[in-house]
């Protein structure tokens, strides 16, 4: 099951962060059709946020056709696995891990690594899909 986390330094609203994390988990094959999302109560307890924030994210996921709420049971993923197998990205993941390890050895911390990665994404004009 996915565990959500929030980054207050991004300027991205908490409900959008939840949506992006679900989309990312779908792309990576972490979530699949039929998987249950954490209950609103579980997310509120872990992240200490307003239940309406979680409900808004889950409703938006439903509107996108990615999830469906089943009253009294929970919210479930309703889309199939990604078209591209996550394993096809394994060589890229290995290379990225090597780069991260090298950056850490050269004194970079998580904030610097993330800033470099985000800047490279912006320069590549990567658009979010799905």
N, C-alpha and C. Protein backbone atom coordinates (compact mmCIF):
# COMPACT_ATOMS: atom_id res chain seq x y z
N UNK A 1 0.84 -1.18 0.00
CA UNK A 1 0.00 0.00 0.00
C UNK A 1 0.89 1.25 0.00
N UNK A 2 0.46 2.25 -0.72
CA UNK A 2 1.20 3.50 -0.81
C UNK A 2 1.15 4.25 0.52
N UNK A 3 2.25 4.90 0.87
CA UNK A 3 2.29 5.78 2.04
C UNK A 3 2.56 7.18 1.53
N UNK A 4 1.63 8.09 1.81
CA UNK A 4 1.78 9.46 1.36
C UNK A 4 2.71 10.23 2.28
N UNK A 5 3.35 11.23 1.71
CA UNK A 5 4.18 12.16 2.48
C UNK A 5 3.96 13.55 1.90
N UNK A 6 4.16 14.56 2.71
CA UNK A 6 3.99 15.94 2.26
C UNK A 6 5.30 16.69 2.39
N UNK A 7 5.55 17.55 1.43
CA UNK A 7 6.71 18.43 1.46
C UNK A 7 6.19 19.86 1.50
N UNK A 8 6.27 20.48 2.66
CA UNK A 8 5.73 21.83 2.83
C UNK A 8 6.55 22.89 2.11
N UNK A 9 7.74 22.56 1.67
CA UNK A 9 8.61 23.52 1.02
C UNK A 9 8.40 23.66 -0.48
N UNK A 10 7.51 22.88 -1.06
CA UNK A 10 7.37 22.89 -2.52
C UNK A 10 6.42 23.97 -3.03
N UNK A 11 5.51 24.41 -2.17
CA UNK A 11 4.49 25.35 -2.63
C UNK A 11 3.34 24.66 -3.33
N UNK A 12 3.39 23.33 -3.42
CA UNK A 12 2.31 22.55 -4.02
C UNK A 12 1.33 22.19 -2.91
N UNK A 13 0.05 22.38 -3.19
CA UNK A 13 -0.96 22.11 -2.16
C UNK A 13 -0.94 20.63 -1.76
N UNK A 14 -1.29 20.34 -0.51
CA UNK A 14 -1.27 18.95 -0.05
C UNK A 14 -2.14 18.01 -0.89
N UNK A 15 -3.31 18.46 -1.32
CA UNK A 15 -4.15 17.56 -2.11
C UNK A 15 -3.51 17.25 -3.46
N UNK A 16 -2.82 18.23 -4.05
CA UNK A 16 -2.13 17.98 -5.32
C UNK A 16 -0.93 17.05 -5.12
N UNK A 17 -0.26 17.15 -3.98
CA UNK A 17 0.86 16.25 -3.70
C UNK A 17 0.36 14.81 -3.62
N UNK A 18 -0.80 14.61 -3.00
CA UNK A 18 -1.37 13.26 -2.91
C UNK A 18 -1.69 12.74 -4.31
N UNK A 19 -2.31 13.58 -5.12
CA UNK A 19 -2.65 13.18 -6.50
C UNK A 19 -1.38 12.81 -7.27
N UNK A 20 -0.36 13.64 -7.19
CA UNK A 20 0.89 13.38 -7.91
C UNK A 20 1.55 12.08 -7.45
N UNK A 21 1.46 11.81 -6.14
CA UNK A 21 2.07 10.58 -5.63
C UNK A 21 1.33 9.35 -6.13
N UNK A 22 0.01 9.43 -6.24
CA UNK A 22 -0.76 8.31 -6.79
C UNK A 22 -0.39 8.12 -8.26
N UNK A 23 -0.33 9.21 -9.02
CA UNK A 23 0.01 9.11 -10.44
C UNK A 23 1.41 8.50 -10.62
N UNK A 24 2.34 8.94 -9.79
CA UNK A 24 3.71 8.43 -9.86
C UNK A 24 3.74 6.94 -9.53
N UNK A 25 2.99 6.54 -8.50
CA UNK A 25 2.95 5.13 -8.10
C UNK A 25 2.33 4.27 -9.20
N UNK A 26 1.37 4.82 -9.92
CA UNK A 26 0.78 4.10 -11.05
C UNK A 26 1.81 3.91 -12.17
N UNK A 27 2.53 4.99 -12.48
CA UNK A 27 3.54 4.92 -13.55
C UNK A 27 4.64 3.91 -13.23
N UNK A 28 4.99 3.85 -11.95
CA UNK A 28 6.08 2.96 -11.55
C UNK A 28 5.61 1.54 -11.26
N UNK A 29 4.31 1.30 -11.35
CA UNK A 29 3.79 -0.03 -11.10
C UNK A 29 3.66 -0.36 -9.62
N UNK A 30 3.78 0.64 -8.75
CA UNK A 30 3.62 0.43 -7.32
C UNK A 30 2.15 0.22 -6.99
N UNK A 31 1.28 0.94 -7.70
CA UNK A 31 -0.16 0.77 -7.58
C UNK A 31 -0.70 0.17 -8.86
N UNK A 32 -1.67 -0.72 -8.73
CA UNK A 32 -2.28 -1.36 -9.88
C UNK A 32 -3.79 -1.41 -9.72
N UNK A 33 -4.45 -1.75 -10.78
CA UNK A 33 -5.91 -1.87 -10.78
C UNK A 33 -6.36 -2.75 -9.61
N UNK A 34 -7.30 -2.23 -8.81
CA UNK A 34 -7.84 -2.98 -7.69
C UNK A 34 -7.17 -2.71 -6.36
N UNK A 35 -6.00 -2.08 -6.37
CA UNK A 35 -5.31 -1.75 -5.11
C UNK A 35 -6.10 -0.72 -4.33
N UNK A 36 -6.10 -0.87 -3.02
CA UNK A 36 -6.81 0.07 -2.16
C UNK A 36 -5.87 1.18 -1.70
N UNK A 37 -6.36 2.40 -1.76
CA UNK A 37 -5.63 3.54 -1.22
C UNK A 37 -5.84 3.56 0.29
N UNK A 38 -4.93 4.19 1.03
CA UNK A 38 -5.14 4.31 2.48
C UNK A 38 -6.46 5.03 2.75
N UNK A 39 -7.10 4.68 3.85
CA UNK A 39 -8.34 5.36 4.19
C UNK A 39 -8.06 6.82 4.52
N UNK A 40 -9.08 7.63 4.42
CA UNK A 40 -8.94 9.04 4.76
C UNK A 40 -8.44 9.17 6.20
N UNK A 41 -9.00 8.36 7.08
CA UNK A 41 -8.60 8.40 8.49
C UNK A 41 -7.11 8.08 8.66
N UNK A 42 -6.62 7.09 7.91
CA UNK A 42 -5.20 6.72 7.99
C UNK A 42 -4.31 7.87 7.50
N UNK A 43 -4.70 8.48 6.39
CA UNK A 43 -3.90 9.57 5.83
C UNK A 43 -3.90 10.78 6.78
N UNK A 44 -5.07 11.11 7.30
CA UNK A 44 -5.19 12.25 8.22
C UNK A 44 -4.32 12.01 9.45
N UNK A 45 -4.35 10.79 9.98
CA UNK A 45 -3.58 10.46 11.16
C UNK A 45 -2.08 10.55 10.91
N UNK A 46 -1.63 10.04 9.76
CA UNK A 46 -0.20 10.04 9.45
C UNK A 46 0.34 11.42 9.07
N UNK A 47 -0.44 12.17 8.27
CA UNK A 47 0.05 13.45 7.76
C UNK A 47 -0.39 14.65 8.58
N UNK A 48 -1.33 14.43 9.48
CA UNK A 48 -1.89 15.50 10.31
C UNK A 48 -2.40 16.64 9.41
N UNK A 49 -3.35 16.29 8.56
CA UNK A 49 -3.99 17.27 7.69
C UNK A 49 -5.50 17.15 7.81
N UNK A 50 -6.20 18.11 7.25
CA UNK A 50 -7.65 18.15 7.29
C UNK A 50 -8.23 17.01 6.43
N UNK A 51 -9.23 16.30 6.94
CA UNK A 51 -9.84 15.21 6.15
C UNK A 51 -10.37 15.70 4.81
N UNK A 52 -10.84 16.95 4.75
CA UNK A 52 -11.36 17.47 3.48
C UNK A 52 -10.27 17.55 2.41
N UNK A 53 -9.03 17.73 2.82
CA UNK A 53 -7.91 17.76 1.88
C UNK A 53 -7.75 16.40 1.20
N UNK A 54 -7.81 15.35 2.00
CA UNK A 54 -7.68 13.99 1.47
C UNK A 54 -8.89 13.66 0.59
N UNK A 55 -10.07 14.02 1.06
CA UNK A 55 -11.29 13.77 0.28
C UNK A 55 -11.24 14.49 -1.06
N UNK A 56 -10.71 15.72 -1.06
CA UNK A 56 -10.60 16.47 -2.31
C UNK A 56 -9.66 15.75 -3.28
N UNK A 57 -8.55 15.26 -2.78
CA UNK A 57 -7.59 14.53 -3.63
C UNK A 57 -8.24 13.25 -4.18
N UNK A 58 -8.92 12.51 -3.33
CA UNK A 58 -9.54 11.26 -3.75
C UNK A 58 -10.66 11.53 -4.76
N UNK A 59 -11.44 12.61 -4.55
CA UNK A 59 -12.49 12.95 -5.51
C UNK A 59 -11.89 13.32 -6.87
N UNK A 60 -10.77 14.04 -6.84
CA UNK A 60 -10.10 14.42 -8.08
C UNK A 60 -9.57 13.18 -8.80
N UNK A 61 -9.03 12.24 -8.05
CA UNK A 61 -8.57 10.98 -8.64
C UNK A 61 -9.73 10.23 -9.29
N UNK A 62 -10.90 10.29 -8.65
CA UNK A 62 -12.09 9.67 -9.24
C UNK A 62 -12.47 10.38 -10.54
N UNK A 63 -12.45 11.71 -10.52
CA UNK A 63 -12.80 12.49 -11.71
C UNK A 63 -11.85 12.19 -12.87
N UNK A 64 -10.61 11.86 -12.55
CA UNK A 64 -9.61 11.53 -13.57
C UNK A 64 -9.76 10.09 -14.06
N UNK A 65 -10.62 9.33 -13.40
CA UNK A 65 -10.81 7.93 -13.77
C UNK A 65 -9.74 7.00 -13.24
N UNK A 66 -9.00 7.47 -12.24
CA UNK A 66 -7.91 6.66 -11.69
C UNK A 66 -8.32 5.87 -10.45
N UNK A 67 -9.40 6.29 -9.80
CA UNK A 67 -9.82 5.64 -8.56
C UNK A 67 -11.34 5.66 -8.46
N UNK A 68 -11.85 4.81 -7.57
CA UNK A 68 -13.29 4.77 -7.33
C UNK A 68 -13.52 4.51 -5.85
N UNK A 69 -14.40 5.33 -5.25
CA UNK A 69 -14.76 5.13 -3.85
C UNK A 69 -15.87 4.11 -3.75
N UNK A 70 -15.73 3.20 -2.81
CA UNK A 70 -16.78 2.22 -2.52
C UNK A 70 -17.21 2.49 -1.08
N UNK A 71 -18.38 3.12 -0.91
CA UNK A 71 -18.84 3.52 0.43
C UNK A 71 -18.74 2.39 1.45
N UNK A 72 -18.13 2.72 2.57
CA UNK A 72 -17.98 1.76 3.66
C UNK A 72 -16.83 0.80 3.48
N UNK A 73 -16.20 0.82 2.31
CA UNK A 73 -15.11 -0.13 2.04
C UNK A 73 -13.78 0.61 1.86
N UNK A 74 -13.76 1.63 1.00
CA UNK A 74 -12.55 2.38 0.75
C UNK A 74 -12.48 2.89 -0.68
N UNK A 75 -11.32 3.42 -1.04
CA UNK A 75 -11.08 3.95 -2.38
C UNK A 75 -10.08 3.04 -3.08
N UNK A 76 -10.40 2.66 -4.31
CA UNK A 76 -9.61 1.68 -5.03
C UNK A 76 -9.15 2.22 -6.38
N UNK A 77 -7.97 1.79 -6.80
CA UNK A 77 -7.43 2.15 -8.11
C UNK A 77 -8.26 1.44 -9.18
N UNK A 78 -8.59 2.17 -10.25
CA UNK A 78 -9.43 1.61 -11.31
C UNK A 78 -8.77 1.65 -12.68
N UNK A 79 -7.49 1.77 -12.71
CA UNK A 79 -6.79 1.82 -14.00
C UNK A 79 -5.79 0.68 -14.07
N UNK A 80 -5.45 0.29 -15.27
CA UNK A 80 -4.50 -0.80 -15.43
C UNK A 80 -3.07 -0.33 -15.24
N UNK A 81 -2.21 -1.31 -15.24
CA UNK A 81 -0.77 -1.05 -15.10
C UNK A 81 -0.30 -0.15 -16.24
N UNK A 82 0.81 0.53 -16.05
CA UNK A 82 1.33 1.41 -17.10
C UNK A 82 1.65 0.63 -18.38
N UNK A 83 1.58 1.34 -19.50
CA UNK A 83 1.87 0.72 -20.79
C UNK A 83 3.31 0.25 -20.88
N UNK A 84 4.22 0.99 -20.28
CA UNK A 84 5.63 0.64 -20.30
C UNK A 84 5.97 -0.06 -18.99
N UNK A 85 6.58 -1.20 -19.07
CA UNK A 85 6.93 -1.96 -17.88
C UNK A 85 7.94 -1.18 -17.03
N UNK A 86 7.67 -1.07 -15.71
CA UNK A 86 8.63 -0.39 -14.84
C UNK A 86 10.02 -1.00 -14.91
N UNK A 87 10.11 -2.29 -15.19
CA UNK A 87 11.42 -2.94 -15.26
C UNK A 87 12.25 -2.42 -16.42
N UNK A 88 11.59 -1.84 -17.43
CA UNK A 88 12.35 -1.30 -18.57
C UNK A 88 13.15 -0.07 -18.16
N UNK A 89 12.80 0.52 -17.02
CA UNK A 89 13.53 1.69 -16.54
C UNK A 89 14.63 1.33 -15.56
N UNK A 90 14.80 0.04 -15.28
CA UNK A 90 15.80 -0.39 -14.31
C UNK A 90 17.20 0.12 -14.63
N UNK A 91 17.67 0.04 -15.87
CA UNK A 91 19.02 0.56 -16.16
C UNK A 91 19.13 2.06 -15.84
N UNK A 92 18.06 2.81 -16.12
CA UNK A 92 18.10 4.25 -15.81
C UNK A 92 18.14 4.47 -14.30
N UNK A 93 17.37 3.67 -13.58
CA UNK A 93 17.35 3.79 -12.11
C UNK A 93 18.74 3.49 -11.53
N UNK A 94 19.40 2.48 -12.07
CA UNK A 94 20.74 2.13 -11.60
C UNK A 94 21.71 3.28 -11.86
N UNK A 95 21.65 3.86 -13.05
CA UNK A 95 22.52 4.99 -13.38
C UNK A 95 22.23 6.20 -12.48
N UNK A 96 20.96 6.46 -12.24
CA UNK A 96 20.59 7.58 -11.38
C UNK A 96 21.10 7.35 -9.96
N UNK A 97 20.98 6.11 -9.47
CA UNK A 97 21.47 5.81 -8.13
C UNK A 97 22.98 6.02 -8.05
N UNK A 98 23.71 5.64 -9.09
CA UNK A 98 25.15 5.87 -9.12
C UNK A 98 25.45 7.36 -9.07
N UNK A 99 24.67 8.15 -9.82
CA UNK A 99 24.87 9.60 -9.83
C UNK A 99 24.60 10.18 -8.45
N UNK A 100 23.52 9.74 -7.81
CA UNK A 100 23.18 10.23 -6.47
C UNK A 100 24.29 9.88 -5.48
N UNK A 101 24.77 8.65 -5.53
CA UNK A 101 25.85 8.23 -4.64
C UNK A 101 27.09 9.10 -4.86
N UNK A 102 27.41 9.39 -6.12
CA UNK A 102 28.57 10.24 -6.43
C UNK A 102 28.36 11.66 -5.91
N UNK A 103 27.14 12.18 -6.07
CA UNK A 103 26.84 13.52 -5.58
C UNK A 103 26.99 13.60 -4.07
N UNK A 104 26.52 12.57 -3.36
CA UNK A 104 26.64 12.55 -1.90
C UNK A 104 28.11 12.49 -1.48
N UNK A 105 28.89 11.68 -2.19
CA UNK A 105 30.33 11.59 -1.88
C UNK A 105 31.02 12.93 -2.09
N UNK A 106 30.49 13.73 -3.00
CA UNK A 106 31.07 15.05 -3.27
C UNK A 106 30.45 16.16 -2.41
N UNK A 107 29.67 15.78 -1.39
CA UNK A 107 29.17 16.76 -0.43
C UNK A 107 27.76 17.26 -0.65
N UNK A 108 27.07 16.77 -1.65
CA UNK A 108 25.71 17.23 -1.89
C UNK A 108 24.75 16.59 -0.88
N UNK A 109 23.80 17.39 -0.41
CA UNK A 109 22.77 16.83 0.46
C UNK A 109 21.49 16.64 -0.35
N UNK A 110 20.44 16.14 0.28
CA UNK A 110 19.19 15.84 -0.41
C UNK A 110 18.60 17.07 -1.09
N UNK A 111 18.67 18.21 -0.43
CA UNK A 111 18.11 19.44 -1.02
C UNK A 111 18.83 19.83 -2.30
N UNK A 112 20.14 19.72 -2.30
CA UNK A 112 20.92 20.06 -3.50
C UNK A 112 20.61 19.08 -4.62
N UNK A 113 20.59 17.78 -4.28
CA UNK A 113 20.31 16.76 -5.29
C UNK A 113 18.93 16.98 -5.89
N UNK A 114 17.95 17.23 -5.04
CA UNK A 114 16.59 17.46 -5.53
C UNK A 114 16.51 18.73 -6.39
N UNK A 115 17.21 19.78 -5.98
CA UNK A 115 17.21 21.02 -6.76
C UNK A 115 17.82 20.80 -8.15
N UNK A 116 18.92 20.06 -8.21
CA UNK A 116 19.55 19.76 -9.49
C UNK A 116 18.60 18.96 -10.37
N UNK A 117 17.97 17.94 -9.78
CA UNK A 117 17.05 17.09 -10.52
C UNK A 117 15.87 17.91 -11.05
N UNK A 118 15.27 18.74 -10.20
CA UNK A 118 14.13 19.57 -10.62
C UNK A 118 14.53 20.54 -11.72
N UNK A 119 15.71 21.12 -11.61
CA UNK A 119 16.18 22.06 -12.63
C UNK A 119 16.37 21.34 -13.97
N UNK A 120 16.93 20.14 -13.92
CA UNK A 120 17.12 19.36 -15.15
C UNK A 120 15.77 19.01 -15.77
N UNK A 121 14.79 18.67 -14.95
CA UNK A 121 13.45 18.38 -15.48
C UNK A 121 12.87 19.61 -16.16
N UNK A 122 12.99 20.76 -15.53
CA UNK A 122 12.48 22.00 -16.13
C UNK A 122 13.17 22.29 -17.46
N UNK A 123 14.47 22.08 -17.53
CA UNK A 123 15.21 22.34 -18.76
C UNK A 123 14.84 21.35 -19.86
N UNK A 124 14.35 20.19 -19.47
CA UNK A 124 13.96 19.17 -20.46
C UNK A 124 12.54 19.35 -20.96
N UNK A 125 11.82 20.31 -20.39
CA UNK A 125 10.42 20.56 -20.77
C UNK A 125 9.57 19.30 -20.63
N UNK A 126 9.78 18.58 -19.55
CA UNK A 126 9.00 17.38 -19.29
C UNK A 126 7.61 17.81 -18.83
N UNK A 127 6.59 17.30 -19.52
CA UNK A 127 5.21 17.61 -19.13
C UNK A 127 4.63 16.42 -18.41
N UNK A 128 3.86 16.71 -17.36
CA UNK A 128 3.22 15.64 -16.61
C UNK A 128 2.04 15.11 -17.39
N UNK A 129 1.94 13.78 -17.46
CA UNK A 129 0.82 13.14 -18.13
C UNK A 129 0.17 12.15 -17.18
N UNK A 130 -0.93 11.58 -17.64
CA UNK A 130 -1.71 10.57 -16.89
C UNK A 130 -2.35 11.13 -15.68
